[in-house]
PDB file of N, CA and C in Angstrom:
ATOM      1  N   MET A   1      86.067  70.541 131.897  1.00  0.00           N
ATOM      2  CA  MET A   1      86.280  69.750 133.544  1.00  0.00           C
ATOM      3  C   MET A   1      86.995  70.646 134.084  1.00  0.00           C
ATOM      4  N   ALA A   2      86.544  70.729 135.207  1.00  0.00           N
ATOM      5  CA  ALA A   2      87.610  72.060 136.235  1.00  0.00           C
ATOM      6  C   ALA A   2      88.842  71.397 136.898  1.00  0.00           C
ATOM      7  N   VAL A   3      89.168  71.222 136.874  1.00  0.00           N
ATOM      8  CA  VAL A   3      90.276  71.672 137.360  1.00  0.00           C
ATOM      9  C   VAL A   3      91.615  72.833 138.701  1.00  0.00           C
ATOM     10  N   SER A   4      91.816  70.739 139.292  1.00  0.00           N
ATOM     11  CA  SER A   4      92.417  72.216 139.925  1.00  0.00           C
ATOM     12  C   SER A   4      94.118  72.659 140.326  1.00  0.00           C
ATOM     13  N   VAL A   5      94.162  74.000 139.605  1.00  0.00           N
ATOM     14  CA  VAL A   5      95.672  75.141 138.822  1.00  0.00           C
ATOM     15  C   VAL A   5      95.486  75.067 140.986  1.00  0.00           C
ATOM     16  N   GLN A   6      97.310  74.427 141.214  1.00  0.00           N
ATOM     17  CA  GLN A   6      98.653  75.490 142.416  1.00  0.00           C
ATOM     18  C   GLN A   6      99.397  75.945 141.298  1.00  0.00           C
ATOM     19  N   HIS A   7      99.694  76.647 142.471  1.00  0.00           N
ATOM     20  CA  HIS A   7     100.869  77.446 141.606  1.00  0.00           C
ATOM     21  C   HIS A   7     101.715  77.586 143.042  1.00  0.00           C
ATOM     22  N   GLU A   8     102.848  77.897 142.072  1.00  0.00           N
ATOM     23  CA  GLU A   8     103.612  76.917 143.037  1.00  0.00           C
ATOM     24  C   GLU A   8     105.636  78.212 142.398  1.00  0.00           C
ATOM     25  N   PRO A   9     105.282  79.257 143.963  1.00  0.00           N
ATOM     26  CA  PRO A   9     105.571  81.162 143.397  1.00  0.00           C
ATOM     27  C   PRO A   9     107.704  81.160 143.917  1.00  0.00           C
ATOM     28  N   GLN A  10     106.913  79.783 144.840  1.00  0.00           N
ATOM     29  CA  GLN A  10     108.628  79.741 144.779  1.00  0.00           C
ATOM     30  C   GLN A  10     109.771  78.215 144.031  1.00  0.00           C
ATOM     31  N   SER A  11     108.693  78.070 142.389  1.00  0.00           N
ATOM     32  CA  SER A  11     108.851  77.210 141.263  1.00  0.00           C
ATOM     33  C   SER A  11     109.230  77.896 140.731  1.00  0.00           C
ATOM     34  N   GLN A  12     107.999  79.402 140.559  1.00  0.00           N
ATOM     35  CA  GLN A  12     107.737  80.472 140.235  1.00  0.00           C
ATOM     36  C   GLN A  12     107.079  79.200 138.015  1.00  0.00           C
ATOM     37  N   ARG A  13     105.464  78.743 139.041  1.00  0.00           N
ATOM     38  CA  ARG A  13     105.373  77.748 137.871  1.00  0.00           C
ATOM     39  C   ARG A  13     103.225  77.816 138.600  1.00  0.00           C
ATOM     40  N   PHE A  14     102.192  77.085 137.464  1.00  0.00           N
ATOM     41  CA  PHE A  14     101.062  77.172 138.025  1.00  0.00           C
ATOM     42  C   PHE A  14     101.434  75.067 137.211  1.00  0.00           C
ATOM     43  N   THR A  15     100.075  74.394 138.257  1.00  0.00           N
ATOM     44  CA  THR A  15     101.051  73.061 138.198  1.00  0.00           C
ATOM     45  C   THR A  15      98.963  72.595 137.699  1.00  0.00           C
ATOM     46  N   VAL A  16      99.265  71.358 137.809  1.00  0.00           N
ATOM     47  CA  VAL A  16      98.085  70.479 136.869  1.00  0.00           C
ATOM     48  C   VAL A  16      97.958  69.277 136.930  1.00  0.00           C
ATOM     49  N   GLU A  17      97.197  68.200 137.898  1.00  0.00           N
ATOM     50  CA  GLU A  17      97.437  66.623 137.646  1.00  0.00           C
ATOM     51  C   GLU A  17      96.145  66.977 137.367  1.00  0.00           C
ATOM     52  N   VAL A  18      96.392  66.133 136.029  1.00  0.00           N
ATOM     53  CA  VAL A  18      95.333  64.868 135.497  1.00  0.00           C
ATOM     54  C   VAL A  18      95.803  63.744 135.111  1.00  0.00           C
ATOM     55  N   ASP A  19      94.708  62.626 135.686  1.00  0.00           N
ATOM     56  CA  ASP A  19      94.850  61.428 135.520  1.00  0.00           C
ATOM     57  C   ASP A  19      95.929  60.261 136.359  1.00  0.00           C
ATOM     58  N   GLY A  20      96.847  61.183 136.774  1.00  0.00           N
ATOM     59  CA  GLY A  20      97.950  61.225 137.400  1.00  0.00           C
ATOM     60  C   GLY A  20      98.875  62.277 136.597  1.00  0.00           C
ATOM     61  N   VAL A  21      99.037  62.511 135.143  1.00  0.00           N
ATOM     62  CA  VAL A  21      99.865  63.294 134.837  1.00  0.00           C
ATOM     63  C   VAL A  21      99.695  64.663 134.729  1.00  0.00           C
ATOM     64  N   GLN A  22     100.951  65.322 134.989  1.00  0.00           N
ATOM     65  CA  GLN A  22     101.376  67.207 135.049  1.00  0.00           C
ATOM     66  C   GLN A  22     101.575  67.514 134.016  1.00  0.00           C
ATOM     67  N   ALA A  23     100.649  68.802 133.662  1.00  0.00           N
ATOM     68  CA  ALA A  23     100.967  70.428 133.224  1.00  0.00           C
ATOM     69  C   ALA A  23     101.071  71.118 133.666  1.00  0.00           C
ATOM     70  N   LEU A  24     102.047  71.925 133.389  1.00  0.00           N
ATOM     71  CA  LEU A  24     102.591  73.353 133.728  1.00  0.00           C
ATOM     72  C   LEU A  24     102.639  74.106 132.533  1.00  0.00           C
ATOM     73  N   LEU A  25     102.178  75.318 133.565  1.00  0.00           N
ATOM     74  CA  LEU A  25     102.569  76.165 132.959  1.00  0.00           C
ATOM     75  C   LEU A  25     104.586  77.401 133.997  1.00  0.00           C
ATOM     76  N   GLU A  26     105.363  77.917 133.261  1.00  0.00           N
ATOM     77  CA  GLU A  26     106.072  78.333 133.741  1.00  0.00           C
ATOM     78  C   GLU A  26     106.427  79.448 133.992  1.00  0.00           C
ATOM     79  N   TYR A  27     106.910  80.514 134.890  1.00  0.00           N
ATOM     80  CA  TYR A  27     107.012  81.575 134.346  1.00  0.00           C
ATOM     81  C   TYR A  27     108.516  82.484 135.083  1.00  0.00           C
ATOM     82  N   GLN A  28     108.756  83.666 135.044  1.00  0.00           N
ATOM     83  CA  GLN A  28     110.275  84.354 135.201  1.00  0.00           C
ATOM     84  C   GLN A  28     108.687  85.841 135.906  1.00  0.00           C
ATOM     85  N   MET A  29     109.567  86.087 137.318  1.00  0.00           N
ATOM     86  CA  MET A  29     108.593  88.108 137.505  1.00  0.00           C
ATOM     87  C   MET A  29     110.613  88.961 136.676  1.00  0.00           C
ATOM     88  N   ARG A  30     109.971  89.971 136.382  1.00  0.00           N
ATOM     89  CA  ARG A  30     110.831  90.635 136.159  1.00  0.00           C
ATOM     90  C   ARG A  30     110.691  91.839 136.341  1.00  0.00           C
ATOM     91  N   GLY A  31     110.435  92.080 137.234  1.00  0.00           N
ATOM     92  CA  GLY A  31     109.713  93.153 138.663  1.00  0.00           C
ATOM     93  C   GLY A  31     108.776  93.178 138.714  1.00  0.00           C
ATOM     94  N   ASP A  32     107.929  94.264 137.739  1.00  0.00           N
ATOM     95  CA  ASP A  32     106.688  94.211 138.324  1.00  0.00           C
ATOM     96  C   ASP A  32     105.283  93.429 137.148  1.00  0.00           C
ATOM     97  N   GLN A  33     106.194  92.605 136.341  1.00  0.00           N
ATOM     98  CA  GLN A  33     105.548  91.673 135.075  1.00  0.00           C
ATOM     99  C   GLN A  33     106.010  89.983 135.639  1.00  0.00           C
ATOM    100  N   LEU A  34     104.655  89.672 135.102  1.00  0.00           N
ATOM    101  CA  LEU A  34     105.584  88.580 135.326  1.00  0.00           C
ATOM    102  C   LEU A  34     104.975  87.532 133.718  1.00  0.00           C
ATOM    103  N   VAL A  35     106.476  87.220 133.125  1.00  0.00           N
ATOM    104  CA  VAL A  35     106.611  87.001 131.800  1.00  0.00           C
ATOM    105  C   VAL A  35     106.469  84.999 131.976  1.00  0.00           C
ATOM    106  N   ILE A  36     105.085  84.963 131.363  1.00  0.00           N
ATOM    107  CA  ILE A  36     104.885  83.052 130.351  1.00  0.00           C
ATOM    108  C   ILE A  36     105.877  82.896 129.860  1.00  0.00           C
ATOM    109  N   THR A  37     106.844  81.531 130.098  1.00  0.00           N
ATOM    110  CA  THR A  37     107.831  81.517 129.294  1.00  0.00           C
ATOM    111  C   THR A  37     108.025  80.134 129.249  1.00  0.00           C
ATOM    112  N   HIS A  38     106.413  79.607 129.012  1.00  0.00           N
ATOM    113  CA  HIS A  38     106.452  77.835 128.903  1.00  0.00           C
ATOM    114  C   HIS A  38     105.227  77.202 129.359  1.00  0.00           C
ATOM    115  N   THR A  39     104.101  77.591 128.266  1.00  0.00           N
ATOM    116  CA  THR A  39     102.791  76.138 128.981  1.00  0.00           C
ATOM    117  C   THR A  39     103.267  74.465 128.040  1.00  0.00           C
ATOM    118  N   GLY A  40     103.300  73.374 129.256  1.00  0.00           N
ATOM    119  CA  GLY A  40     103.102  72.608 128.675  1.00  0.00           C
ATOM    120  C   GLY A  40     101.673  71.213 129.243  1.00  0.00           C
ATOM    121  N   VAL A  41     100.824  70.832 127.834  1.00  0.00           N
ATOM    122  CA  VAL A  41     101.281  69.634 128.412  1.00  0.00           C
ATOM    123  C   VAL A  41      99.894  68.308 127.299  1.00  0.00           C
ATOM    124  N   PRO A  42     100.791  67.658 128.505  1.00  0.00           N
ATOM    125  CA  PRO A  42     100.984  66.286 128.295  1.00  0.00           C
ATOM    126  C   PRO A  42     100.513  65.729 126.739  1.00  0.00           C
ATOM    127  N   GLU A  43     100.382  65.303 125.519  1.00  0.00           N
ATOM    128  CA  GLU A  43      99.132  64.747 124.521  1.00  0.00           C
ATOM    129  C   GLU A  43      98.855  63.972 125.717  1.00  0.00           C
ATOM    130  N   ALA A  44      98.781  62.974 126.367  1.00  0.00           N
ATOM    131  CA  ALA A  44      97.768  62.425 126.867  1.00  0.00           C
ATOM    132  C   ALA A  44      96.742  62.773 127.899  1.00  0.00           C
ATOM    133  N   ILE A  45      97.021  63.626 128.603  1.00  0.00           N
ATOM    134  CA  ILE A  45      96.311  65.062 128.877  1.00  0.00           C
ATOM    135  C   ILE A  45      95.669  66.894 127.881  1.00  0.00           C
ATOM    136  N   GLY A  46      96.039  65.913 127.145  1.00  0.00           N
ATOM    137  CA  GLY A  46      95.872  67.005 125.359  1.00  0.00           C
ATOM    138  C   GLY A  46      94.240  66.631 125.439  1.00  0.00           C
ATOM    139  N   GLY A  47      94.030  68.270 125.143  1.00  0.00           N
ATOM    140  CA  GLY A  47      92.302  68.317 124.403  1.00  0.00           C
ATOM    141  C   GLY A  47      91.563  68.661 125.044  1.00  0.00           C
ATOM    142  N   ARG A  48      91.474  68.809 126.746  1.00  0.00           N
ATOM    143  CA  ARG A  48      90.825  68.842 127.990  1.00  0.00           C
ATOM    144  C   ARG A  48      90.313  70.678 128.281  1.00  0.00           C
ATOM    145  N   GLY A  49      91.423  70.932 127.645  1.00  0.00           N
ATOM    146  CA  GLY A  49      90.997  72.586 127.990  1.00  0.00           C
ATOM    147  C   GLY A  49      92.146  73.460 128.928  1.00  0.00           C
ATOM    148  N   ILE A  50      93.306  71.662 129.625  1.00  0.00           N
ATOM    149  CA  ILE A  50      94.640  71.882 130.950  1.00  0.00           C
ATOM    150  C   ILE A  50      95.478  73.841 130.823  1.00  0.00           C
ATOM    151  N   ALA A  51      95.516  73.310 129.759  1.00  0.00           N
ATOM    152  CA  ALA A  51      96.446  74.575 129.602  1.00  0.00           C
ATOM    153  C   ALA A  51      95.469  76.672 129.414  1.00  0.00           C
ATOM    154  N   SER A  52      94.639  75.976 128.685  1.00  0.00           N
ATOM    155  CA  SER A  52      93.516  77.387 128.535  1.00  0.00           C
ATOM    156  C   SER A  52      93.441  77.697 130.497  1.00  0.00           C
ATOM    157  N   ASP A  53      93.430  76.700 130.813  1.00  0.00           N
ATOM    158  CA  ASP A  53      93.106  76.757 132.440  1.00  0.00           C
ATOM    159  C   ASP A  53      94.337  77.165 133.204  1.00  0.00           C
ATOM    160  N   LEU A  54      95.073  77.058 133.290  1.00  0.00           N
ATOM    161  CA  LEU A  54      96.850  77.173 133.460  1.00  0.00           C
ATOM    162  C   LEU A  54      97.102  78.324 132.807  1.00  0.00           C
ATOM    163  N   VAL A  55      97.132  79.300 131.932  1.00  0.00           N
ATOM    164  CA  VAL A  55      96.782  80.959 131.497  1.00  0.00           C
ATOM    165  C   VAL A  55      95.637  81.077 132.297  1.00  0.00           C
ATOM    166  N   LYS A  56      95.096  80.669 132.508  1.00  0.00           N
ATOM    167  CA  LYS A  56      94.404  81.989 133.202  1.00  0.00           C
ATOM    168  C   LYS A  56      94.620  82.131 134.616  1.00  0.00           C
ATOM    169  N   ALA A  57      94.956  80.917 136.305  1.00  0.00           N
ATOM    170  CA  ALA A  57      95.208  81.127 136.660  1.00  0.00           C
ATOM    171  C   ALA A  57      96.117  82.246 136.638  1.00  0.00           C
ATOM    172  N   ALA A  58      97.224  81.947 135.739  1.00  0.00           N
ATOM    173  CA  ALA A  58      98.278  82.974 135.939  1.00  0.00           C
ATOM    174  C   ALA A  58      98.050  84.312 135.834  1.00  0.00           C
ATOM    175  N   PHE A  59      96.956  84.617 134.622  1.00  0.00           N
ATOM    176  CA  PHE A  59      96.894  85.717 135.078  1.00  0.00           C
ATOM    177  C   PHE A  59      96.029  86.953 135.781  1.00  0.00           C
ATOM    178  N   GLU A  60      95.148  85.751 137.441  1.00  0.00           N
ATOM    179  CA  GLU A  60      94.424  85.852 137.577  1.00  0.00           C
ATOM    180  C   GLU A  60      95.341  86.009 138.712  1.00  0.00           C
ATOM    181  N   TYR A  61      96.245  85.599 139.246  1.00  0.00           N
ATOM    182  CA  TYR A  61      97.439  85.042 139.931  1.00  0.00           C
ATOM    183  C   TYR A  61      97.661  86.963 140.504  1.00  0.00           C
ATOM    184  N   ALA A  62      97.943  87.438 138.872  1.00  0.00           N
ATOM    185  CA  ALA A  62      98.955  88.472 138.206  1.00  0.00           C
ATOM    186  C   ALA A  62      98.058  89.661 138.513  1.00  0.00           C
ATOM    187  N   ARG A  63      96.468  89.733 138.072  1.00  0.00           N
ATOM    188  CA  ARG A  63      95.161  90.516 138.639  1.00  0.00           C
ATOM    189  C   ARG A  63      95.622  90.846 140.756  1.00  0.00           C
ATOM    190  N   GLY A  64      95.249  89.712 140.936  1.00  0.00           N
ATOM    191  CA  GLY A  64      95.152  89.802 142.214  1.00  0.00           C
ATOM    192  C   GLY A  64      96.489  90.946 142.844  1.00  0.00           C
ATOM    193  N   ALA A  65      97.689  90.761 142.296  1.00  0.00           N
ATOM    194  CA  ALA A  65      99.029  90.813 142.699  1.00  0.00           C
ATOM    195  C   ALA A  65      99.818  91.769 142.353  1.00  0.00           C
ATOM    196  N   GLY A  66      98.962  92.661 140.879  1.00  0.00           N
ATOM    197  CA  GLY A  66      98.793  94.004 140.897  1.00  0.00           C
ATOM    198  C   GLY A  66     100.129  93.404 140.105  1.00  0.00           C
ATOM    199  N   TYR A  67     100.087  93.029 139.246  1.00  0.00           N
ATOM    200  CA  TYR A  67     101.097  92.820 138.586  1.00  0.00           C
ATOM    201  C   TYR A  67     101.318  92.427 136.564  1.00  0.00           C
ATOM    202  N   LYS A  68     101.785  93.369 135.820  1.00  0.00           N
ATOM    203  CA  LYS A  68     101.334  92.905 134.282  1.00  0.00           C
ATOM    204  C   LYS A  68     101.733  91.850 134.429  1.00  0.00           C
ATOM    205  N   VAL A  69     101.126  91.192 133.104  1.00  0.00           N
ATOM    206  CA  VAL A  69     101.592  89.339 132.217  1.00  0.00           C
ATOM    207  C   VAL A  69     102.257  89.994 130.891  1.00  0.00           C
ATOM    208  N   ARG A  70     103.439  89.164 130.240  1.00  0.00           N
ATOM    209  CA  ARG A  70     103.666  88.666 128.928  1.00  0.00           C
ATOM    210  C   ARG A  70     103.840  87.711 129.257  1.00  0.00           C
ATOM    211  N   PRO A  71     102.946  87.538 127.965  1.00  0.00           N
ATOM    212  CA  PRO A  71     103.331  86.346 127.831  1.00  0.00           C
ATOM    213  C   PRO A  71     103.763  85.239 126.308  1.00  0.00           C
ATOM    214  N   ALA A  72     104.985  85.341 126.480  1.00  0.00           N
ATOM    215  CA  ALA A  72     106.116  85.668 125.970  1.00  0.00           C
ATOM    216  C   ALA A  72     106.854  83.690 125.084  1.00  0.00           C
ATOM    217  N   CYS A  73     105.764  83.157 125.814  1.00  0.00           N
ATOM    218  CA  CYS A  73     104.947  81.727 125.100  1.00  0.00           C
ATOM    219  C   CYS A  73     103.908  81.711 124.168  1.00  0.00           C
ATOM    220  N   SER A  74     103.982  81.264 123.456  1.00  0.00           N
ATOM    221  CA  SER A  74     102.997  81.252 122.038  1.00  0.00           C
ATOM    222  C   SER A  74     101.813  81.330 121.995  1.00  0.00           C
ATOM    223  N   TYR A  75     101.859  79.846 122.852  1.00  0.00           N
ATOM    224  CA  TYR A  75      99.804  79.041 123.505  1.00  0.00           C
ATOM    225  C   TYR A  75      99.498  80.255 124.796  1.00  0.00           C
ATOM    226  N   ALA A  76     100.691  81.085 125.269  1.00  0.00           N
ATOM    227  CA  ALA A  76      99.653  82.263 125.790  1.00  0.00           C
ATOM    228  C   ALA A  76      99.320  83.567 125.121  1.00  0.00           C
ATOM    229  N   ALA A  77      99.840  83.338 124.604  1.00  0.00           N
ATOM    230  CA  ALA A  77      99.951  84.850 124.498  1.00  0.00           C
ATOM    231  C   ALA A  77      98.890  84.563 122.599  1.00  0.00           C
ATOM    232  N   ALA A  78      98.192  83.000 122.797  1.00  0.00           N
ATOM    233  CA  ALA A  78      97.146  83.643 121.433  1.00  0.00           C
ATOM    234  C   ALA A  78      96.177  83.539 122.356  1.00  0.00           C
ATOM    235  N   TRP A  79      96.416  82.956 123.591  1.00  0.00           N
ATOM    236  CA  TRP A  79      95.525  82.635 124.784  1.00  0.00           C
ATOM    237  C   TRP A  79      95.131  84.157 125.255  1.00  0.00           C
ATOM    238  N   ALA A  80      95.727  85.242 125.561  1.00  0.00           N
ATOM    239  CA  ALA A  80      96.001  86.397 125.677  1.00  0.00           C
ATOM    240  C   ALA A  80      94.969  87.866 124.342  1.00  0.00           C
ATOM    241  N   GLU A  81      95.136  87.002 122.798  1.00  0.00           N
ATOM    242  CA  GLU A  81      94.958  87.823 122.097  1.00  0.00           C
ATOM    243  C   GLU A  81      92.970  86.880 122.244  1.00  0.00           C
ATOM    244  N   ARG A  82      92.428  86.250 122.470  1.00  0.00           N
ATOM    245  CA  ARG A  82      91.646  85.171 122.910  1.00  0.00           C
ATOM    246  C   ARG A  82      90.648  85.409 124.068  1.00  0.00           C
ATOM    247  N   HIS A  83      91.018  86.646 124.247  1.00  0.00           N
ATOM    248  CA  HIS A  83      89.893  86.854 125.913  1.00  0.00           C
ATOM    249  C   HIS A  83      90.768  88.441 126.613  1.00  0.00           C
ATOM    250  N   ALA A  84      90.115  88.821 125.946  1.00  0.00           N
ATOM    251  CA  ALA A  84      90.035  90.402 125.508  1.00  0.00           C
ATOM    252  C   ALA A  84      89.983  91.073 127.607  1.00  0.00           C
ATOM    253  N   GLU A  85      88.879  90.050 127.527  1.00  0.00           N
ATOM    254  CA  GLU A  85      88.570  90.724 128.969  1.00  0.00           C
ATOM    255  C   GLU A  85      89.595  90.675 130.179  1.00  0.00           C
ATOM    256  N   TYR A  86      91.006  90.200 129.843  1.00  0.00           N
ATOM    257  CA  TYR A  86      92.374  89.908 130.345  1.00  0.00           C
ATOM    258  C   TYR A  86      93.745  90.888 130.109  1.00  0.00           C
ATOM    259  N   SER A  87      93.180  91.923 128.498  1.00  0.00           N
ATOM    260  CA  SER A  87      94.227  92.581 127.799  1.00  0.00           C
ATOM    261  C   SER A  87      94.735  94.000 128.515  1.00  0.00           C
ATOM    262  N   GLN A  88      94.228  94.728 130.206  1.00  0.00           N
ATOM    263  CA  GLN A  88      94.194  95.489 131.304  1.00  0.00           C
ATOM    264  C   GLN A  88      95.084  95.151 130.908  1.00  0.00           C
ATOM    265  N   LEU A  89      95.784  93.901 131.753  1.00  0.00           N
ATOM    266  CA  LEU A  89      97.301  93.023 132.428  1.00  0.00           C
ATOM    267  C   LEU A  89      98.251  93.346 131.550  1.00  0.00           C
ATOM    268  N   LEU A  90      97.974  93.185 129.919  1.00  0.00           N
ATOM    269  CA  LEU A  90      99.528  93.280 129.442  1.00  0.00           C
ATOM    270  C   LEU A  90     100.871  94.084 129.743  1.00  0.00           C
ATOM    271  N   ALA A  91     101.143  93.153 129.594  1.00  0.00           N
ATOM    272  CA  ALA A  91     102.420  94.526 129.388  1.00  0.00           C
ATOM    273  C   ALA A  91     102.508  95.177 128.348  1.00  0.00           C
TER     274      ALA A  91
END
């Protein structure tokens, strides 16, 4: 399922809305590091790969901006372990 992830830099988050329900990834900028602090997908829209889409969007944003990524939330850390193609971005 392709979803349209929106970046809201002023709120330091990425969001997606599916079936009227919002999922999000929150981060904090610490110097040149994008620290992923929370990934949340409500149960109503779970099981569709939305959390993965959010984390991938954050990593792609960091790559384009020249940032390193520190996945401080457990989901993002597990995702990073499964996606070795992003390992060079890890802080």
